[in-house]
C-alpha atoms as a PDB file:
ATOM      1  CA  MET A   1     -10.707 -74.554  44.624  1.00  0.00           C
ATOM      2  CA  ALA A   2      -8.183 -76.367  42.503  1.00  0.00           C
ATOM      3  CA  TRP A   3      -6.742 -72.813  41.446  1.00  0.00           C
ATOM      4  CA  ARG A   4      -6.244 -71.839  45.006  1.00  0.00           C
ATOM      5  CA  ALA A   5      -4.748 -74.933  45.888  1.00  0.00           C
ATOM      6  CA  GLU A   6      -1.999 -74.494  43.510  1.00  0.00           C
ATOM      7  CA  LEU A   7      -1.481 -70.909  44.634  1.00  0.00           C
ATOM      8  CA  PHE A   8      -0.909 -72.241  48.111  1.00  0.00           C
ATOM      9  CA  GLY A   9       1.667 -74.892  46.628  1.00  0.00           C
ATOM     10  CA  TRP A  10      -0.452 -78.037  46.971  1.00  0.00           C
ATOM     11  CA  LYS A  11       0.038 -80.836  44.386  1.00  0.00           C
ATOM     12  CA  ALA A  12      -2.567 -82.698  42.448  1.00  0.00           C
ATOM     13  CA  TYR A  13      -2.883 -86.184  41.330  1.00  0.00           C
ATOM     14  CA  TYR A  14      -4.808 -87.853  38.725  1.00  0.00           C
ATOM     15  CA  ASP A  15      -7.241 -90.638  39.493  1.00  0.00           C
ATOM     16  CA  ALA A  16      -9.033 -92.307  36.719  1.00  0.00           C
ATOM     17  CA  GLU A  17     -11.382 -93.961  38.961  1.00  0.00           C
ATOM     18  CA  ALA A  18     -12.301 -90.772  40.715  1.00  0.00           C
ATOM     19  CA  VAL A  19     -16.124 -89.743  40.701  1.00  0.00           C
ATOM     20  CA  GLY A  20     -16.917 -86.157  41.344  1.00  0.00           C
ATOM     21  CA  TYR A  21     -20.637 -84.501  41.648  1.00  0.00           C
ATOM     22  CA  HIS A  22     -21.614 -81.150  41.731  1.00  0.00           C
ATOM     23  CA  GLU A  23     -24.458 -79.980  43.582  1.00  0.00           C
ATOM     24  CA  ARG A  24     -25.881 -77.436  41.458  1.00  0.00           C
ATOM     25  CA  GLY A  25     -26.391 -79.898  38.578  1.00  0.00           C
ATOM     26  CA  TRP A  26     -26.509 -77.383  35.501  1.00  0.00           C
ATOM     27  CA  LYS A  27     -26.782 -80.390  33.559  1.00  0.00           C
ATOM     28  CA  THR A  28     -29.982 -81.906  34.669  1.00  0.00           C
ATOM     29  CA  SER A  29     -32.202 -79.069  34.026  1.00  0.00           C
ATOM     30  CA  GLY A  30     -30.101 -76.805  31.912  1.00  0.00           C
ATOM     31  CA  ARG A  31     -29.550 -73.354  32.323  1.00  0.00           C
ATOM     32  CA  SER A  32     -33.038 -72.270  31.541  1.00  0.00           C
ATOM     33  CA  GLY A  33     -34.578 -74.368  34.449  1.00  0.00           C
ATOM     34  CA  LYS A  34     -32.324 -72.222  36.952  1.00  0.00           C
ATOM     35  CA  ALA A  35     -33.554 -69.205  39.097  1.00  0.00           C
ATOM     36  CA  MET A  36     -32.147 -65.816  38.015  1.00  0.00           C
ATOM     37  CA  PHE A  37     -30.525 -65.472  41.446  1.00  0.00           C
ATOM     38  CA  ILE A  38     -28.417 -68.819  41.169  1.00  0.00           C
ATOM     39  CA  LYS A  39     -27.567 -67.431  37.644  1.00  0.00           C
ATOM     40  CA  ARG A  40     -26.392 -64.478  39.132  1.00  0.00           C
ATOM     41  CA  ILE A  41     -24.307 -66.080  41.695  1.00  0.00           C
ATOM     42  CA  SER A  42     -22.816 -68.136  39.257  1.00  0.00           C
ATOM     43  CA  TYR A  43     -22.035 -65.327  36.749  1.00  0.00           C
ATOM     44  CA  ILE A  44     -20.522 -63.031  39.484  1.00  0.00           C
ATOM     45  CA  ASN A  45     -18.580 -65.668  41.362  1.00  0.00           C
ATOM     46  CA  ARG A  46     -16.156 -65.742  38.243  1.00  0.00           C
ATOM     47  CA  TYR A  47     -15.326 -62.210  38.725  1.00  0.00           C
ATOM     48  CA  LYS A  48     -14.920 -62.543  42.458  1.00  0.00           C
ATOM     49  CA  MET A  49     -12.622 -65.842  41.967  1.00  0.00           C
ATOM     50  CA  ILE A  50     -10.226 -63.832  39.772  1.00  0.00           C
ATOM     51  CA  TYR A  51     -10.229 -60.636  41.782  1.00  0.00           C
ATOM     52  CA  LYS A  52      -9.281 -62.907  44.752  1.00  0.00           C
ATOM     53  CA  ASN A  53      -6.897 -65.341  43.293  1.00  0.00           C
ATOM     54  CA  GLU A  54      -4.907 -63.461  40.139  1.00  0.00           C
ATOM     55  CA  PRO A  55      -1.535 -62.482  41.339  1.00  0.00           C
ATOM     56  CA  SER A  56      -1.386 -58.712  40.766  1.00  0.00           C
ATOM     57  CA  ARG A  57       1.605 -59.262  38.356  1.00  0.00           C
ATOM     58  CA  THR A  58      -0.235 -61.308  36.298  1.00  0.00           C
ATOM     59  CA  LEU A  59      -3.596 -59.728  36.566  1.00  0.00           C
ATOM     60  CA  LEU A  60      -3.512 -57.143  33.696  1.00  0.00           C
ATOM     61  CA  LEU A  61      -2.304 -59.821  31.201  1.00  0.00           C
ATOM     62  CA  THR A  62      -5.073 -62.240  32.332  1.00  0.00           C
ATOM     63  CA  LEU A  63      -7.713 -59.410  31.811  1.00  0.00           C
ATOM     64  CA  LEU A  64      -6.305 -58.288  28.439  1.00  0.00           C
ATOM     65  CA  ASN A  65      -6.283 -61.981  27.177  1.00  0.00           C
ATOM     66  CA  SER A  66      -9.780 -62.710  28.462  1.00  0.00           C
ATOM     67  CA  LEU A  67     -10.956 -59.695  26.836  1.00  0.00           C
ATOM     68  CA  PRO A  68     -12.588 -61.061  23.766  1.00  0.00           C
ATOM     69  CA  TYR A  69     -14.193 -63.996  25.534  1.00  0.00           C
ATOM     70  CA  GLU A  70     -15.613 -61.252  27.901  1.00  0.00           C
ATOM     71  CA  ILE A  71     -17.090 -59.011  25.317  1.00  0.00           C
ATOM     72  CA  ALA A  72     -18.919 -62.009  23.944  1.00  0.00           C
ATOM     73  CA  ALA A  73     -19.883 -63.440  27.308  1.00  0.00           C
ATOM     74  CA  HIS A  74     -21.440 -59.694  28.120  1.00  0.00           C
ATOM     75  CA  GLY A  75     -22.967 -59.235  24.570  1.00  0.00           C
ATOM     76  CA  TYR A  76     -24.557 -62.403  24.879  1.00  0.00           C
ATOM     77  CA  SER A  77     -25.789 -61.537  28.542  1.00  0.00           C
ATOM     78  CA  LEU A  78     -27.130 -57.931  27.178  1.00  0.00           C
ATOM     79  CA  LEU A  79     -28.993 -59.932  24.540  1.00  0.00           C
ATOM     80  CA  LYS A  80     -30.298 -62.979  26.203  1.00  0.00           C
ATOM     81  CA  GLU A  81     -30.050 -62.531  30.043  1.00  0.00           C
ATOM     82  CA  PRO A  82     -29.730 -58.783  30.794  1.00  0.00           C
ATOM     83  CA  LYS A  83     -30.857 -59.473  34.204  1.00  0.00           C
ATOM     84  CA  LEU A  84     -27.374 -61.219  35.032  1.00  0.00           C
ATOM     85  CA  LEU A  85     -25.835 -57.861  34.676  1.00  0.00           C
ATOM     86  CA  GLY A  86     -27.834 -56.973  37.849  1.00  0.00           C
ATOM     87  CA  ALA A  87     -25.093 -59.025  40.067  1.00  0.00           C
ATOM     88  CA  TRP A  88     -22.754 -56.399  39.754  1.00  0.00           C
ATOM     89  CA  PRO A  89     -23.969 -54.367  42.513  1.00  0.00           C
ATOM     90  CA  SER A  90     -23.358 -57.319  45.011  1.00  0.00           C
ATOM     91  CA  PHE A  91     -19.726 -57.712  43.637  1.00  0.00           C
ATOM     92  CA  PHE A  92     -19.061 -53.918  44.804  1.00  0.00           C
ATOM     93  CA  ALA A  93     -21.122 -54.167  47.971  1.00  0.00           C
ATOM     94  CA  GLN A  94     -18.747 -57.171  48.843  1.00  0.00           C
ATOM     95  CA  ARG A  95     -15.814 -55.392  47.772  1.00  0.00           C
ATOM     96  CA  ALA A  96     -14.024 -54.636  51.104  1.00  0.00           C
ATOM     97  CA  ALA A  97     -14.724 -58.573  52.093  1.00  0.00           C
ATOM     98  CA  LEU A  98     -13.333 -59.520  48.859  1.00  0.00           C
ATOM     99  CA  LYS A  99     -10.258 -57.145  49.381  1.00  0.00           C
ATOM    100  CA  ARG A 100      -9.691 -58.744  52.579  1.00  0.00           C
ATOM    101  CA  LYS A 101      -9.863 -62.318  51.266  1.00  0.00           C
ATOM    102  CA  ARG A 102      -7.568 -61.400  48.115  1.00  0.00           C
ATOM    103  CA  ARG A 103      -4.908 -60.031  50.709  1.00  0.00           C
ATOM    104  CA  TYR A 104      -5.009 -62.952  52.763  1.00  0.00           C
ATOM    105  CA  ILE A 105      -4.646 -65.210  49.725  1.00  0.00           C
ATOM    106  CA  GLN A 106      -1.706 -63.466  48.032  1.00  0.00           C
ATOM    107  CA  GLU A 107       0.081 -63.241  51.617  1.00  0.00           C
ATOM    108  CA  ARG A 108      -0.169 -67.345  51.439  1.00  0.00           C
ATOM    109  CA  VAL A 109       0.938 -67.560  47.989  1.00  0.00           C
ATOM    110  CA  LYS A 110       3.692 -65.187  48.893  1.00  0.00           C
ATOM    111  CA  LEU A 111       4.641 -67.957  51.845  1.00  0.00           C
ATOM    112  CA  ALA A 112       3.795 -71.150  49.864  1.00  0.00           C
ATOM    113  CA  GLY A 113       6.558 -69.604  47.382  1.00  0.00           C
ATOM    114  CA  GLU A 114       9.321 -68.941  49.875  1.00  0.00           C
END
């Protein structure tokens, strides 16, 4: 959310007394306590976020810079949680909607920059 807000030209401020809560709560039961469909959603949402938010002019550089992490993360997934990779069909099934959302976001970014 902060990434998109920044893209749209919003400003953020630090408040040392602010408290935030995350509904999903990975810390309470750990990763092993989560259902596979929740893990898949969490996993694939990272790629959806990059696809929708990263400007075209920096997309290739971002992908190249993140390549070592991606190789390590997918290696881990293949060894420890291969069922995570089953989330990819949902990405491709939603690609048309993601593309529309990307177009909307990138147009708003251009307007925020003017």
